[in-house]
Amino acid sequence: MTAPTLFAEKDLTANPAPLGLMGFGMTTVLLNLHNLGLFGNSAMILAMGIFYGGLAQVIAGVLEWKKGNTFGMTAFTSYGCFWLSLVGLLVLPEMGLAEAATSSAMGAYLLMWGIFTAFLFVGTLKMDKASQFIFGSLTLLFALLAISDFSGSATIKQIAGFVGLLCGASAIYTAMAQVLNEVYGKTILCLGGKSH
């Protein structure tokens, strides 16, 4: 009697990272245009936070889990929940369901996200330069936003707005690089290679 033959199935599922990166990148750009004072905190930002920054990233995280990518699952699911919780922090007080968070509470919230992001940044040191830039700039962004809330400094919030634009734009670039490089079967947009 012979033992059954085991074989590995080829993974034919799509790369979920561009979806997560676009959800993160576009929502980050729009929120930081608000941080720069270009427009108010409207339904446009809240809707992006719920649906693209929030739900689309959670979906991307679940799909990364299916692919066995712990880093991608942790990052996308967490940042999707970040956007959903941020919308909750803004909307729940308006609905009379909770007190508005104080500046100190928001500073603590952003500081915790910055610490989490700093750990993920360390993980990107084994990845491509584009990922390193996204997570490095995001760590800086959270630090600046936390300092702005703790100190009440409008200047630091403005600086954070510029850092946020760069961070969000880098995520959009990385997403489109992954999509275009796959579609064309060659490097159209460079991701910077992997670090060793």
Protein backbone atom coordinates (compact mmCIF):
# COMPACT_ATOMS: atom_id res chain seq x y z
CA MET A 1 0.00 0.00 0.00
CA THR A 2 1.40 3.40 -0.97
CA ALA A 3 1.01 6.61 1.01
CA PRO A 4 -1.20 9.30 -0.49
CA THR A 5 0.64 11.92 -2.50
CA LEU A 6 0.62 15.38 -0.99
CA PHE A 7 0.93 18.39 -3.23
CA ALA A 8 0.99 22.11 -2.68
CA GLU A 9 -1.65 24.16 -4.39
CA LYS A 10 -0.47 27.27 -6.16
CA ASP A 11 -1.81 30.45 -4.55
CA LEU A 12 -3.94 32.11 -7.24
CA THR A 13 -5.42 34.78 -5.01
CA ALA A 14 -4.73 38.42 -5.82
CA ASN A 15 -2.32 40.60 -3.87
CA PRO A 16 -4.48 42.49 -1.31
CA ALA A 17 -1.74 44.99 -0.39
CA PRO A 18 -2.62 47.59 -3.07
CA LEU A 19 -6.20 47.75 -1.78
CA GLY A 20 -5.01 48.31 1.78
CA LEU A 21 -2.35 50.80 0.74
CA MET A 22 -4.82 52.81 -1.37
CA GLY A 23 -7.37 52.86 1.45
CA PHE A 24 -4.70 54.06 3.84
CA GLY A 25 -3.01 56.45 1.41
CA MET A 26 -6.02 58.26 0.00
CA THR A 27 -7.68 58.68 3.40
CA THR A 28 -4.40 59.90 4.94
CA VAL A 29 -3.92 62.49 2.19
CA LEU A 30 -7.46 63.82 2.61
CA LEU A 31 -7.25 64.03 6.42
CA ASN A 32 -3.94 65.85 6.21
CA LEU A 33 -5.30 68.36 3.71
CA HIS A 34 -7.77 69.08 6.51
CA ASN A 35 -4.88 69.27 9.03
CA LEU A 36 -3.30 71.89 6.77
CA GLY A 37 -6.53 73.92 6.93
CA LEU A 38 -7.60 73.49 3.30
CA PHE A 39 -11.09 72.36 4.31
CA GLY A 40 -13.09 71.38 7.38
CA ASN A 41 -13.68 67.96 8.87
CA SER A 42 -16.68 67.05 6.73
CA ALA A 43 -18.68 63.96 5.81
CA MET A 44 -16.17 63.38 2.99
CA ILE A 45 -13.36 62.61 5.45
CA LEU A 46 -15.64 60.62 7.75
CA ALA A 47 -16.98 58.52 4.87
CA MET A 48 -13.46 57.82 3.60
CA GLY A 49 -12.47 56.87 7.15
CA ILE A 50 -15.33 54.40 7.46
CA PHE A 51 -15.37 52.83 4.02
CA TYR A 52 -11.96 53.08 2.34
CA GLY A 53 -9.56 53.79 5.18
CA GLY A 54 -11.55 51.54 7.51
CA LEU A 55 -13.45 48.68 5.89
CA ALA A 56 -11.25 48.28 2.80
CA GLN A 57 -8.14 47.98 4.97
CA VAL A 58 -9.80 45.45 7.27
CA ILE A 59 -10.77 43.41 4.20
CA ALA A 60 -7.18 43.66 2.91
CA GLY A 61 -5.93 42.50 6.32
CA VAL A 62 -8.20 39.44 6.30
CA LEU A 63 -6.99 38.61 2.78
CA GLU A 64 -3.37 38.97 3.94
CA TRP A 65 -4.18 36.46 6.71
CA LYS A 66 -5.39 34.05 4.02
CA LYS A 67 -2.04 34.46 2.27
CA GLY A 68 -0.12 33.79 5.50
CA ASN A 69 1.27 37.33 5.71
CA THR A 70 1.33 38.19 9.42
CA PHE A 71 2.81 41.65 8.87
CA GLY A 72 0.22 42.62 6.24
CA MET A 73 -2.64 41.17 8.29
CA THR A 74 -1.55 43.03 11.42
CA ALA A 75 -0.90 46.33 9.66
CA PHE A 76 -3.97 46.53 7.42
CA THR A 77 -6.46 45.22 9.98
CA SER A 78 -5.06 47.50 12.69
CA TYR A 79 -4.98 50.65 10.57
CA GLY A 80 -8.46 49.87 9.24
CA CYS A 81 -9.61 49.77 12.86
CA PHE A 82 -7.64 52.97 13.51
CA TRP A 83 -9.73 54.80 10.91
CA LEU A 84 -12.96 53.32 12.23
CA SER A 85 -12.06 54.27 15.81
CA LEU A 86 -11.04 57.78 14.74
CA VAL A 87 -14.42 58.28 13.10
CA GLY A 88 -16.01 56.96 16.29
CA LEU A 89 -14.04 59.48 18.36
CA LEU A 90 -15.43 62.27 16.19
CA VAL A 91 -19.00 61.05 15.69
CA LEU A 92 -19.96 59.48 19.05
CA PRO A 93 -19.87 62.81 20.93
CA GLU A 94 -21.90 64.46 18.15
CA MET A 95 -24.54 61.74 18.57
CA GLY A 96 -24.61 62.28 22.34
CA LEU A 97 -23.29 58.76 23.00
CA ALA A 98 -20.01 59.73 24.68
CA GLU A 99 -18.07 62.73 25.90
CA ALA A 100 -15.61 64.23 23.42
CA ALA A 101 -12.01 63.14 23.99
CA THR A 102 -9.80 65.79 25.57
CA SER A 103 -6.63 66.95 23.82
CA SER A 104 -4.62 64.91 26.33
CA ALA A 105 -6.70 61.81 25.61
CA MET A 106 -6.22 62.30 21.86
CA GLY A 107 -2.50 62.76 22.45
CA ALA A 108 -2.38 59.43 24.32
CA TYR A 109 -4.41 57.74 21.54
CA LEU A 110 -2.04 59.01 18.85
CA LEU A 111 1.03 58.18 20.95
CA MET A 112 -0.10 54.54 21.26
CA TRP A 113 -0.58 54.35 17.50
CA GLY A 114 2.87 55.86 17.04
CA ILE A 115 4.48 53.23 19.28
CA PHE A 116 2.67 50.45 17.39
CA THR A 117 3.80 51.94 14.08
CA ALA A 118 7.42 52.24 15.26
CA PHE A 119 7.46 48.49 15.90
CA LEU A 120 6.06 47.84 12.41
CA PHE A 121 8.71 50.19 10.99
CA VAL A 122 11.38 47.90 12.47
CA GLY A 123 9.74 45.05 10.55
CA THR A 124 9.99 47.00 7.29
CA LEU A 125 13.79 47.09 7.61
CA LYS A 126 13.65 43.62 6.01
CA MET A 127 11.35 44.91 3.23
CA ASP A 128 11.56 47.32 0.30
CA LYS A 129 12.48 50.99 0.68
CA ALA A 130 8.94 52.12 -0.21
CA SER A 131 7.51 50.26 2.80
CA GLN A 132 10.24 51.68 5.00
CA PHE A 133 9.33 55.20 3.91
CA ILE A 134 5.61 54.66 4.52
CA PHE A 135 6.09 53.32 8.04
CA GLY A 136 8.93 55.69 8.93
CA SER A 137 6.92 58.73 7.88
CA LEU A 138 3.80 57.35 9.58
CA THR A 139 5.71 56.95 12.85
CA LEU A 140 6.82 60.57 12.56
CA LEU A 141 3.26 61.65 11.69
CA PHE A 142 1.77 60.00 14.78
CA ALA A 143 4.52 61.52 16.96
CA LEU A 144 3.88 65.01 15.60
CA LEU A 145 0.10 64.69 15.96
CA ALA A 146 0.49 63.45 19.55
CA ILE A 147 2.84 66.33 20.39
CA SER A 148 0.41 68.76 18.76
CA ASP A 149 -2.48 67.48 20.91
CA PHE A 150 -0.41 67.44 24.10
CA SER A 151 0.98 70.95 23.50
CA GLY A 152 -1.87 72.61 21.59
CA SER A 153 0.64 73.75 18.95
CA ALA A 154 -0.99 74.67 15.64
CA THR A 155 2.48 74.92 14.05
CA ILE A 156 3.30 71.30 14.88
CA LYS A 157 -0.09 70.24 13.50
CA GLN A 158 0.74 72.06 10.24
CA ILE A 159 4.10 70.28 10.04
CA ALA A 160 2.26 67.02 10.69
CA GLY A 161 -0.05 67.88 7.80
CA PHE A 162 2.89 68.04 5.38
CA VAL A 163 4.37 64.80 6.74
CA GLY A 164 0.92 63.19 6.38
CA LEU A 165 0.68 64.25 2.75
CA LEU A 166 4.06 62.64 2.04
CA CYS A 167 3.13 59.51 3.95
CA GLY A 168 -0.22 59.11 2.20
CA ALA A 169 1.27 59.85 -1.22
CA SER A 170 3.99 57.26 -0.64
CA ALA A 171 1.34 54.63 0.16
CA ILE A 172 -0.55 55.52 -3.04
CA TYR A 173 2.67 55.28 -5.05
CA THR A 174 3.52 51.90 -3.50
CA ALA A 175 0.03 50.54 -4.23
CA MET A 176 0.14 51.65 -7.85
CA ALA A 177 3.69 50.33 -8.25
CA GLN A 178 2.52 46.89 -7.13
CA VAL A 179 -0.48 46.97 -9.46
CA LEU A 180 1.37 48.28 -12.54
CA ASN A 181 4.42 46.05 -12.00
CA GLU A 182 2.15 43.00 -11.83
CA VAL A 183 0.06 44.03 -14.86
CA TYR A 184 3.13 44.67 -17.03
CA GLY A 185 5.20 41.77 -15.64
CA LYS A 186 8.17 44.07 -15.09
CA THR A 187 9.21 47.04 -12.99
CA ILE A 188 7.29 50.11 -14.11
CA LEU A 189 7.55 51.94 -10.76
CA CYS A 190 10.48 51.09 -8.50
CA LEU A 191 9.86 50.00 -4.90
CA GLY A 192 13.50 50.26 -3.87
CA GLY A 193 14.42 46.59 -3.45
CA LYS A 194 14.63 44.68 -0.20
CA SER A 195 17.05 45.45 2.62
CA HIS A 196 19.29 42.72 3.96
